[in-house]
Structures are given as C-alpha cells and as structure tokens.
Amino acid sequence: MSVFQANSRYLKFAALTSATDRRGRTVACLTPARIPAQLELGKHRLKDGQRLDHLAQHYLNESTAYWRIAALNDAMTPDQIAAAPFIAIPVKGS
C-alpha cells in the first residue's frame, strides 16, 4: 500500500478495502476518493500560463488542493479546464 501525505484526499475521502486478484490473493486497495460538496467562493479569470496548483496555493493556501478546483469545475484533470475563460474557485476549508 502506498504512503499518502497527511493532507491527501485519499486519506480523507477514500476507504481501505480488499479485493482478490486473478491468482486468488487478497490485496489491499483504496476506493476512489469521494469528492465532497463544495461552496463556490467566486470566479477567477484564467490567464495564459496560470496553473491550478498556483491558484490553489493562492486561494486555498495549499498547492496540492488543485483537485478541488478541478472537481468544482466538473473536470477530471486540470488540462480539461485550461482553455476556460473563467473557473470556479471553492471556499477555503469547505
């Protein structure tokens, strides 16, 4: 099993479970991280070259929380919202 940082969404929002592989062995695994409901702080006009980890650091004080911005904008990956003129920003701590 991998080691996650203390602020990892997988530690906060996923569950440890087990599964059986093709050889019949029981292996530990994680469920997908459940994305909690978030409140929107407002919209940010995305400029060329801006990255979600930088915006997460600015608005949320945590660069690894870029996934919260992506989730609020219904994007599976940061690249999916790179061309958007405005992106929703979640409230810090929600």
PDB file of N, CA and C in Angstrom:
ATOM      1  N   MET A   1       0.858  -1.170   0.000  1.00  0.00           N
ATOM      2  CA  MET A   1       0.000   0.000   0.000  1.00  0.00           C
ATOM      3  C   MET A   1       0.900   1.228   0.000  1.00  0.00           C
ATOM      4  N   SER A   2       0.516   2.213  -0.751  1.00  0.00           N
ATOM      5  CA  SER A   2       1.271   3.454  -0.844  1.00  0.00           C
ATOM      6  C   SER A   2       1.122   4.275   0.424  1.00  0.00           C
ATOM      7  N   VAL A   3       2.058   5.181   0.604  1.00  0.00           N
ATOM      8  CA  VAL A   3       2.012   6.102   1.729  1.00  0.00           C
ATOM      9  C   VAL A   3       1.526   7.442   1.194  1.00  0.00           C
ATOM     10  N   PHE A   4       0.524   8.016   1.850  1.00  0.00           N
ATOM     11  CA  PHE A   4      -0.042   9.280   1.420  1.00  0.00           C
ATOM     12  C   PHE A   4       0.335  10.379   2.402  1.00  0.00           C
ATOM     13  N   GLN A   5       0.427  11.604   1.906  1.00  0.00           N
ATOM     14  CA  GLN A   5       0.670  12.738   2.778  1.00  0.00           C
ATOM     15  C   GLN A   5      -0.544  12.942   3.672  1.00  0.00           C
ATOM     16  N   ALA A   6      -0.345  13.605   4.800  1.00  0.00           N
ATOM     17  CA  ALA A   6      -1.423  13.803   5.773  1.00  0.00           C
ATOM     18  C   ALA A   6      -2.602  14.574   5.189  1.00  0.00           C
ATOM     19  N   ASN A   7      -2.365  15.432   4.200  1.00  0.00           N
ATOM     20  CA  ASN A   7      -3.449  16.226   3.616  1.00  0.00           C
ATOM     21  C   ASN A   7      -4.009  15.602   2.331  1.00  0.00           C
ATOM     22  N   SER A   8      -3.683  14.363   2.062  1.00  0.00           N
ATOM     23  CA  SER A   8      -4.128  13.686   0.845  1.00  0.00           C
ATOM     24  C   SER A   8      -5.638  13.479   0.829  1.00  0.00           C
ATOM     25  N   ARG A   9      -6.263  13.707  -0.332  1.00  0.00           N
ATOM     26  CA  ARG A   9      -7.701  13.446  -0.456  1.00  0.00           C
ATOM     27  C   ARG A   9      -8.005  11.966  -0.302  1.00  0.00           C
ATOM     28  N   TYR A  10      -7.039  11.110  -0.553  1.00  0.00           N
ATOM     29  CA  TYR A  10      -7.267   9.675  -0.409  1.00  0.00           C
ATOM     30  C   TYR A  10      -7.340   9.255   1.050  1.00  0.00           C
ATOM     31  N   LEU A  11      -6.585   9.917   1.917  1.00  0.00           N
ATOM     32  CA  LEU A  11      -6.703   9.632   3.345  1.00  0.00           C
ATOM     33  C   LEU A  11      -8.019  10.174   3.891  1.00  0.00           C
ATOM     34  N   LYS A  12      -8.439  11.329   3.391  1.00  0.00           N
ATOM     35  CA  LYS A  12      -9.638  11.979   3.911  1.00  0.00           C
ATOM     36  C   LYS A  12     -10.925  11.389   3.349  1.00  0.00           C
ATOM     37  N   PHE A  13     -10.946  11.052   2.044  1.00  0.00           N
ATOM     38  CA  PHE A  13     -12.202  10.753   1.369  1.00  0.00           C
ATOM     39  C   PHE A  13     -12.275   9.378   0.696  1.00  0.00           C
ATOM     40  N   ALA A  14     -11.325   8.497   0.953  1.00  0.00           N
ATOM     41  CA  ALA A  14     -11.365   7.149   0.383  1.00  0.00           C
ATOM     42  C   ALA A  14     -11.394   6.138   1.530  1.00  0.00           C
ATOM     43  N   ALA A  15     -11.767   4.935   1.219  1.00  0.00           N
ATOM     44  CA  ALA A  15     -11.821   3.877   2.225  1.00  0.00           C
ATOM     45  C   ALA A  15     -10.894   2.735   1.822  1.00  0.00           C
ATOM     46  N   LEU A  16     -10.293   2.117   2.808  1.00  0.00           N
ATOM     47  CA  LEU A  16      -9.445   0.955   2.577  1.00  0.00           C
ATOM     48  C   LEU A  16     -10.340  -0.270   2.476  1.00  0.00           C
ATOM     49  N   THR A  17     -10.095  -1.060   1.475  1.00  0.00           N
ATOM     50  CA  THR A  17     -10.876  -2.282   1.270  1.00  0.00           C
ATOM     51  C   THR A  17      -9.926  -3.363   0.768  1.00  0.00           C
ATOM     52  N   SER A  18     -10.450  -4.506   0.426  1.00  0.00           N
ATOM     53  CA  SER A  18      -9.603  -5.567  -0.126  1.00  0.00           C
ATOM     54  C   SER A  18     -10.294  -6.157  -1.350  1.00  0.00           C
ATOM     55  N   ALA A  19      -9.497  -6.754  -2.173  1.00  0.00           N
ATOM     56  CA  ALA A  19     -10.000  -7.399  -3.387  1.00  0.00           C
ATOM     57  C   ALA A  19      -9.176  -8.662  -3.616  1.00  0.00           C
ATOM     58  N   THR A  20      -9.696  -9.544  -4.428  1.00  0.00           N
ATOM     59  CA  THR A  20      -8.989 -10.766  -4.766  1.00  0.00           C
ATOM     60  C   THR A  20      -8.473 -10.650  -6.192  1.00  0.00           C
ATOM     61  N   ASP A  21      -7.174 -10.880  -6.378  1.00  0.00           N
ATOM     62  CA  ASP A  21      -6.610 -10.789  -7.725  1.00  0.00           C
ATOM     63  C   ASP A  21      -6.816 -12.107  -8.482  1.00  0.00           C
ATOM     64  N   ARG A  22      -6.315 -12.146  -9.724  1.00  0.00           N
ATOM     65  CA  ARG A  22      -6.526 -13.325 -10.571  1.00  0.00           C
ATOM     66  C   ARG A  22      -5.897 -14.594 -10.012  1.00  0.00           C
ATOM     67  N   ARG A  23      -4.893 -14.440  -9.177  1.00  0.00           N
ATOM     68  CA  ARG A  23      -4.242 -15.617  -8.595  1.00  0.00           C
ATOM     69  C   ARG A  23      -4.910 -16.075  -7.314  1.00  0.00           C
ATOM     70  N   GLY A  24      -5.973 -15.346  -6.900  1.00  0.00           N
ATOM     71  CA  GLY A  24      -6.676 -15.720  -5.685  1.00  0.00           C
ATOM     72  C   GLY A  24      -6.130 -15.073  -4.423  1.00  0.00           C
ATOM     73  N   ARG A  25      -5.180 -14.171  -4.577  1.00  0.00           N
ATOM     74  CA  ARG A  25      -4.604 -13.490  -3.418  1.00  0.00           C
ATOM     75  C   ARG A  25      -5.492 -12.317  -3.006  1.00  0.00           C
ATOM     76  N   THR A  26      -5.555 -12.077  -1.706  1.00  0.00           N
ATOM     77  CA  THR A  26      -6.268 -10.907  -1.198  1.00  0.00           C
ATOM     78  C   THR A  26      -5.281  -9.754  -1.128  1.00  0.00           C
ATOM     79  N   VAL A  27      -5.651  -8.643  -1.769  1.00  0.00           N
ATOM     80  CA  VAL A  27      -4.783  -7.467  -1.796  1.00  0.00           C
ATOM     81  C   VAL A  27      -5.545  -6.264  -1.248  1.00  0.00           C
ATOM     82  N   ALA A  28      -4.826  -5.386  -0.563  1.00  0.00           N
ATOM     83  CA  ALA A  28      -5.424  -4.159  -0.034  1.00  0.00           C
ATOM     84  C   ALA A  28      -5.522  -3.141  -1.159  1.00  0.00           C
ATOM     85  N   CYS A  29      -6.597  -2.367  -1.157  1.00  0.00           N
ATOM     86  CA  CYS A  29      -6.769  -1.318  -2.158  1.00  0.00           C
ATOM     87  C   CYS A  29      -7.656  -0.214  -1.590  1.00  0.00           C
ATOM     88  N   LEU A  30      -7.671   0.910  -2.287  1.00  0.00           N
ATOM     89  CA  LEU A  30      -8.491   2.044  -1.884  1.00  0.00           C
ATOM     90  C   LEU A  30      -9.663   2.217  -2.836  1.00  0.00           C
ATOM     91  N   THR A  31     -10.773   2.665  -2.287  1.00  0.00           N
ATOM     92  CA  THR A  31     -11.888   3.052  -3.135  1.00  0.00           C
ATOM     93  C   THR A  31     -11.535   4.402  -3.762  1.00  0.00           C
ATOM     94  N   PRO A  32     -12.221   4.796  -4.819  1.00  0.00           N
ATOM     95  CA  PRO A  32     -11.982   6.142  -5.347  1.00  0.00           C
ATOM     96  C   PRO A  32     -12.303   7.186  -4.270  1.00  0.00           C
ATOM     97  N   ALA A  33     -11.572   8.283  -4.297  1.00  0.00           N
ATOM     98  CA  ALA A  33     -11.807   9.347  -3.321  1.00  0.00           C
ATOM     99  C   ALA A  33     -13.169   9.988  -3.589  1.00  0.00           C
ATOM    100  N   ARG A  34     -14.010  10.020  -2.588  1.00  0.00           N
ATOM    101  CA  ARG A  34     -15.322  10.656  -2.685  1.00  0.00           C
ATOM    102  C   ARG A  34     -15.096  12.162  -2.677  1.00  0.00           C
ATOM    103  N   ILE A  35     -15.643  12.861  -3.642  1.00  0.00           N
ATOM    104  CA  ILE A  35     -15.467  14.306  -3.730  1.00  0.00           C
ATOM    105  C   ILE A  35     -16.572  14.967  -2.911  1.00  0.00           C
ATOM    106  N   PRO A  36     -16.220  15.681  -1.849  1.00  0.00           N
ATOM    107  CA  PRO A  36     -17.251  16.309  -1.032  1.00  0.00           C
ATOM    108  C   PRO A  36     -17.880  17.506  -1.745  1.00  0.00           C
ATOM    109  N   ALA A  37     -19.085  17.858  -1.327  1.00  0.00           N
ATOM    110  CA  ALA A  37     -19.736  19.058  -1.862  1.00  0.00           C
ATOM    111  C   ALA A  37     -18.919  20.287  -1.448  1.00  0.00           C
ATOM    112  N   GLN A  38     -18.798  21.233  -2.365  1.00  0.00           N
ATOM    113  CA  GLN A  38     -18.009  22.434  -2.086  1.00  0.00           C
ATOM    114  C   GLN A  38     -18.834  23.684  -2.377  1.00  0.00           C
ATOM    115  N   LEU A  39     -18.594  24.706  -1.602  1.00  0.00           N
ATOM    116  CA  LEU A  39     -19.202  26.001  -1.857  1.00  0.00           C
ATOM    117  C   LEU A  39     -18.279  26.789  -2.769  1.00  0.00           C
ATOM    118  N   GLU A  40     -18.871  27.637  -3.603  1.00  0.00           N
ATOM    119  CA  GLU A  40     -18.071  28.427  -4.545  1.00  0.00           C
ATOM    120  C   GLU A  40     -17.768  29.804  -3.961  1.00  0.00           C
ATOM    121  N   LEU A  41     -16.493  30.160  -3.933  1.00  0.00           N
ATOM    122  CA  LEU A  41     -16.055  31.485  -3.495  1.00  0.00           C
ATOM    123  C   LEU A  41     -16.372  32.522  -4.565  1.00  0.00           C
ATOM    124  N   GLY A  42     -16.119  32.180  -5.804  1.00  0.00           N
ATOM    125  CA  GLY A  42     -16.352  33.078  -6.930  1.00  0.00           C
ATOM    126  C   GLY A  42     -15.672  32.538  -8.164  1.00  0.00           C
ATOM    127  N   LYS A  43     -15.554  33.383  -9.173  1.00  0.00           N
ATOM    128  CA  LYS A  43     -14.918  33.001 -10.437  1.00  0.00           C
ATOM    129  C   LYS A  43     -13.557  33.681 -10.558  1.00  0.00           C
ATOM    130  N   HIS A  44     -12.639  32.999 -11.214  1.00  0.00           N
ATOM    131  CA  HIS A  44     -11.307  33.537 -11.490  1.00  0.00           C
ATOM    132  C   HIS A  44     -11.131  33.583 -13.002  1.00  0.00           C
ATOM    133  N   ARG A  45     -10.697  34.732 -13.505  1.00  0.00           N
ATOM    134  CA  ARG A  45     -10.402  34.845 -14.935  1.00  0.00           C
ATOM    135  C   ARG A  45      -9.044  34.190 -15.168  1.00  0.00           C
ATOM    136  N   LEU A  46      -9.050  33.097 -15.906  1.00  0.00           N
ATOM    137  CA  LEU A  46      -7.828  32.343 -16.153  1.00  0.00           C
ATOM    138  C   LEU A  46      -6.982  33.038 -17.207  1.00  0.00           C
ATOM    139  N   LYS A  47      -5.730  33.307 -16.865  1.00  0.00           N
ATOM    140  CA  LYS A  47      -4.799  33.955 -17.786  1.00  0.00           C
ATOM    141  C   LYS A  47      -3.842  32.914 -18.357  1.00  0.00           C
ATOM    142  N   ASP A  48      -3.244  33.230 -19.510  1.00  0.00           N
ATOM    143  CA  ASP A  48      -2.297  32.309 -20.133  1.00  0.00           C
ATOM    144  C   ASP A  48      -1.190  31.948 -19.150  1.00  0.00           C
ATOM    145  N   GLY A  49      -0.906  30.673 -19.064  1.00  0.00           N
ATOM    146  CA  GLY A  49       0.203  30.203 -18.233  1.00  0.00           C
ATOM    147  C   GLY A  49      -0.150  29.953 -16.775  1.00  0.00           C
ATOM    148  N   GLN A  50      -1.345  30.322 -16.332  1.00  0.00           N
ATOM    149  CA  GLN A  50      -1.708  30.063 -14.940  1.00  0.00           C
ATOM    150  C   GLN A  50      -1.978  28.582 -14.748  1.00  0.00           C
ATOM    151  N   ARG A  51      -1.504  28.071 -13.618  1.00  0.00           N
ATOM    152  CA  ARG A  51      -1.671  26.656 -13.308  1.00  0.00           C
ATOM    153  C   ARG A  51      -2.568  26.497 -12.086  1.00  0.00           C
ATOM    154  N   LEU A  52      -3.285  25.386 -12.047  1.00  0.00           N
ATOM    155  CA  LEU A  52      -4.212  25.169 -10.944  1.00  0.00           C
ATOM    156  C   LEU A  52      -3.508  25.034  -9.596  1.00  0.00           C
ATOM    157  N   ASP A  53      -2.308  24.469  -9.581  1.00  0.00           N
ATOM    158  CA  ASP A  53      -1.619  24.357  -8.295  1.00  0.00           C
ATOM    159  C   ASP A  53      -1.244  25.734  -7.752  1.00  0.00           C
ATOM    160  N   HIS A  54      -0.919  26.679  -8.625  1.00  0.00           N
ATOM    161  CA  HIS A  54      -0.628  28.044  -8.180  1.00  0.00           C
ATOM    162  C   HIS A  54      -1.898  28.729  -7.670  1.00  0.00           C
ATOM    163  N   LEU A  55      -3.016  28.524  -8.374  1.00  0.00           N
ATOM    164  CA  LEU A  55      -4.281  29.104  -7.933  1.00  0.00           C
ATOM    165  C   LEU A  55      -4.729  28.482  -6.611  1.00  0.00           C
ATOM    166  N   ALA A  56      -4.526  27.187  -6.455  1.00  0.00           N
ATOM    167  CA  ALA A  56      -4.875  26.521  -5.197  1.00  0.00           C
ATOM    168  C   ALA A  56      -4.043  27.074  -4.047  1.00  0.00           C
ATOM    169  N   GLN A  57      -2.777  27.338  -4.293  1.00  0.00           N
ATOM    170  CA  GLN A  57      -1.935  27.930  -3.254  1.00  0.00           C
ATOM    171  C   GLN A  57      -2.432  29.329  -2.901  1.00  0.00           C
ATOM    172  N   HIS A  58      -2.780  30.101  -3.903  1.00  0.00           N
ATOM    173  CA  HIS A  58      -3.242  31.476  -3.678  1.00  0.00           C
ATOM    174  C   HIS A  58      -4.573  31.518  -2.933  1.00  0.00           C
ATOM    175  N   TYR A  59      -5.563  30.769  -3.400  1.00  0.00           N
ATOM    176  CA  TYR A  59      -6.901  30.840  -2.825  1.00  0.00           C
ATOM    177  C   TYR A  59      -7.124  29.907  -1.637  1.00  0.00           C
ATOM    178  N   LEU A  60      -6.463  28.758  -1.627  1.00  0.00           N
ATOM    179  CA  LEU A  60      -6.730  27.736  -0.611  1.00  0.00           C
ATOM    180  C   LEU A  60      -5.567  27.516   0.349  1.00  0.00           C
ATOM    181  N   ASN A  61      -4.442  28.197   0.099  1.00  0.00           N
ATOM    182  CA  ASN A  61      -3.213  28.039   0.901  1.00  0.00           C
ATOM    183  C   ASN A  61      -2.696  26.607   0.900  1.00  0.00           C
ATOM    184  N   GLU A  62      -2.937  25.898  -0.194  1.00  0.00           N
ATOM    185  CA  GLU A  62      -2.486  24.506  -0.302  1.00  0.00           C
ATOM    186  C   GLU A  62      -2.385  24.130  -1.778  1.00  0.00           C
ATOM    187  N   SER A  63      -1.170  24.080  -2.295  1.00  0.00           N
ATOM    188  CA  SER A  63      -0.997  23.820  -3.729  1.00  0.00           C
ATOM    189  C   SER A  63      -1.492  22.443  -4.150  1.00  0.00           C
ATOM    190  N   THR A  64      -1.467  21.480  -3.239  1.00  0.00           N
ATOM    191  CA  THR A  64      -1.921  20.135  -3.591  1.00  0.00           C
ATOM    192  C   THR A  64      -3.442  20.029  -3.646  1.00  0.00           C
ATOM    193  N   ALA A  65      -4.153  21.109  -3.335  1.00  0.00           N
ATOM    194  CA  ALA A  65      -5.616  21.108  -3.386  1.00  0.00           C
ATOM    195  C   ALA A  65      -6.133  21.532  -4.755  1.00  0.00           C
ATOM    196  N   TYR A  66      -5.279  21.498  -5.774  1.00  0.00           N
ATOM    197  CA  TYR A  66      -5.709  21.842  -7.140  1.00  0.00           C
ATOM    198  C   TYR A  66      -6.879  20.963  -7.588  1.00  0.00           C
ATOM    199  N   TRP A  67      -6.950  19.746  -7.081  1.00  0.00           N
ATOM    200  CA  TRP A  67      -8.018  18.823  -7.449  1.00  0.00           C
ATOM    201  C   TRP A  67      -9.381  19.362  -7.035  1.00  0.00           C
ATOM    202  N   ARG A  68      -9.427  20.188  -5.962  1.00  0.00           N
ATOM    203  CA  ARG A  68     -10.702  20.774  -5.538  1.00  0.00           C
ATOM    204  C   ARG A  68     -11.225  21.756  -6.580  1.00  0.00           C
ATOM    205  N   ILE A  69     -10.318  22.523  -7.186  1.00  0.00           N
ATOM    206  CA  ILE A  69     -10.712  23.454  -8.249  1.00  0.00           C
ATOM    207  C   ILE A  69     -11.197  22.668  -9.464  1.00  0.00           C
ATOM    208  N   ALA A  70     -10.459  21.631  -9.825  1.00  0.00           N
ATOM    209  CA  ALA A  70     -10.854  20.802 -10.966  1.00  0.00           C
ATOM    210  C   ALA A  70     -12.217  20.158 -10.710  1.00  0.00           C
ATOM    211  N   ALA A  71     -12.441  19.638  -9.524  1.00  0.00           N
ATOM    212  CA  ALA A  71     -13.710  18.979  -9.204  1.00  0.00           C
ATOM    213  C   ALA A  71     -14.881  19.962  -9.247  1.00  0.00           C
ATOM    214  N   LEU A  72     -14.688  21.158  -8.727  1.00  0.00           N
ATOM    215  CA  LEU A  72     -15.755  22.151  -8.731  1.00  0.00           C
ATOM    216  C   LEU A  72     -16.128  22.567 -10.146  1.00  0.00           C
ATOM    217  N   ASN A  73     -15.178  22.441 -11.064  1.00  0.00           N
ATOM    218  CA  ASN A  73     -15.424  22.789 -12.462  1.00  0.00           C
ATOM    219  C   ASN A  73     -15.763  21.565 -13.311  1.00  0.00           C
ATOM    220  N   ASP A  74     -16.133  20.459 -12.662  1.00  0.00           N
ATOM    221  CA  ASP A  74     -16.505  19.213 -13.342  1.00  0.00           C
ATOM    222  C   ASP A  74     -15.444  18.729 -14.316  1.00  0.00           C
ATOM    223  N   ALA A  75     -14.199  18.820 -13.921  1.00  0.00           N
ATOM    224  CA  ALA A  75     -13.084  18.377 -14.761  1.00  0.00           C
ATOM    225  C   ALA A  75     -12.373  17.219 -14.064  1.00  0.00           C
ATOM    226  N   MET A  76     -12.072  16.177 -14.823  1.00  0.00           N
ATOM    227  CA  MET A  76     -11.337  15.041 -14.263  1.00  0.00           C
ATOM    228  C   MET A  76      -9.855  15.364 -14.104  1.00  0.00           C
ATOM    229  N   THR A  77      -9.342  16.212 -14.989  1.00  0.00           N
ATOM    230  CA  THR A  77      -7.928  16.592 -14.940  1.00  0.00           C
ATOM    231  C   THR A  77      -7.807  18.108 -15.081  1.00  0.00           C
ATOM    232  N   PRO A  78      -6.728  18.698 -14.601  1.00  0.00           N
ATOM    233  CA  PRO A  78      -6.518  20.140 -14.747  1.00  0.00           C
ATOM    234  C   PRO A  78      -6.514  20.595 -16.204  1.00  0.00           C
ATOM    235  N   ASP A  79      -6.038  19.752 -17.116  1.00  0.00           N
ATOM    236  CA  ASP A  79      -5.976  20.137 -18.534  1.00  0.00           C
ATOM    237  C   ASP A  79      -7.355  20.392 -19.134  1.00  0.00           C
ATOM    238  N   GLN A  80      -8.385  19.791 -18.575  1.00  0.00           N
ATOM    239  CA  GLN A  80      -9.728  19.959 -19.120  1.00  0.00           C
ATOM    240  C   GLN A  80     -10.272  21.368 -18.953  1.00  0.00           C
ATOM    241  N   ILE A  81      -9.745  22.135 -18.008  1.00  0.00           N
ATOM    242  CA  ILE A  81     -10.247  23.495 -17.824  1.00  0.00           C
ATOM    243  C   ILE A  81      -9.222  24.551 -18.221  1.00  0.00           C
ATOM    244  N   ALA A  82      -8.130  24.141 -18.837  1.00  0.00           N
ATOM    245  CA  ALA A  82      -7.065  25.073 -19.206  1.00  0.00           C
ATOM    246  C   ALA A  82      -7.529  26.125 -20.210  1.00  0.00           C
ATOM    247  N   ALA A  83      -8.496  25.803 -21.050  1.00  0.00           N
ATOM    248  CA  ALA A  83      -8.954  26.746 -22.069  1.00  0.00           C
ATOM    249  C   ALA A  83     -10.170  27.554 -21.631  1.00  0.00           C
ATOM    250  N   ALA A  84     -10.670  27.327 -20.446  1.00  0.00           N
ATOM    251  CA  ALA A  84     -11.848  28.051 -19.969  1.00  0.00           C
ATOM    252  C   ALA A  84     -11.488  29.505 -19.649  1.00  0.00           C
ATOM    253  N   PRO A  85     -12.354  30.453 -19.997  1.00  0.00           N
ATOM    254  CA  PRO A  85     -12.053  31.851 -19.686  1.00  0.00           C
ATOM    255  C   PRO A  85     -12.181  32.150 -18.186  1.00  0.00           C
ATOM    256  N   PHE A  86     -13.151  31.525 -17.525  1.00  0.00           N
ATOM    257  CA  PHE A  86     -13.355  31.692 -16.087  1.00  0.00           C
ATOM    258  C   PHE A  86     -13.459  30.318 -15.449  1.00  0.00           C
ATOM    259  N   ILE A  87     -12.925  30.199 -14.240  1.00  0.00           N
ATOM    260  CA  ILE A  87     -13.057  28.945 -13.498  1.00  0.00           C
ATOM    261  C   ILE A  87     -13.596  29.246 -12.095  1.00  0.00           C
ATOM    262  N   ALA A  88     -14.412  28.355 -11.600  1.00  0.00           N
ATOM    263  CA  ALA A  88     -14.957  28.495 -10.255  1.00  0.00           C
ATOM    264  C   ALA A  88     -13.879  28.152  -9.235  1.00  0.00           C
ATOM    265  N   ILE A  89     -13.864  28.907  -8.149  1.00  0.00           N
ATOM    266  CA  ILE A  89     -12.896  28.694  -7.064  1.00  0.00           C
ATOM    267  C   ILE A  89     -13.688  28.298  -5.817  1.00  0.00           C
ATOM    268  N   PRO A  90     -13.287  27.198  -5.159  1.00  0.00           N
ATOM    269  CA  PRO A  90     -14.009  26.776  -3.956  1.00  0.00           C
ATOM    270  C   PRO A  90     -13.619  27.621  -2.736  1.00  0.00           C
ATOM    271  N   VAL A  91     -14.501  27.644  -1.756  1.00  0.00           N
ATOM    272  CA  VAL A  91     -14.235  28.310  -0.499  1.00  0.00           C
ATOM    273  C   VAL A  91     -13.167  27.509   0.251  1.00  0.00           C
ATOM    274  N   LYS A  92     -12.233  28.216   0.850  1.00  0.00           N
ATOM    275  CA  LYS A  92     -11.174  27.536   1.619  1.00  0.00           C
ATOM    276  C   LYS A  92     -11.785  26.751   2.772  1.00  0.00           C
ATOM    277  N   GLY A  93     -11.360  25.521   2.915  1.00  0.00           N
ATOM    278  CA  GLY A  93     -11.799  24.691   4.030  1.00  0.00           C
ATOM    279  C   GLY A  93     -13.138  24.012   3.873  1.00  0.00           C
ATOM    280  N   SER A  94     -13.843  24.264   2.762  1.00  0.00           N
ATOM    281  CA  SER A  94     -15.154  23.613   2.612  1.00  0.00           C
ATOM    282  C   SER A  94     -15.022  22.263   1.964  1.00  0.00           C
TER     283      SER A  94
END
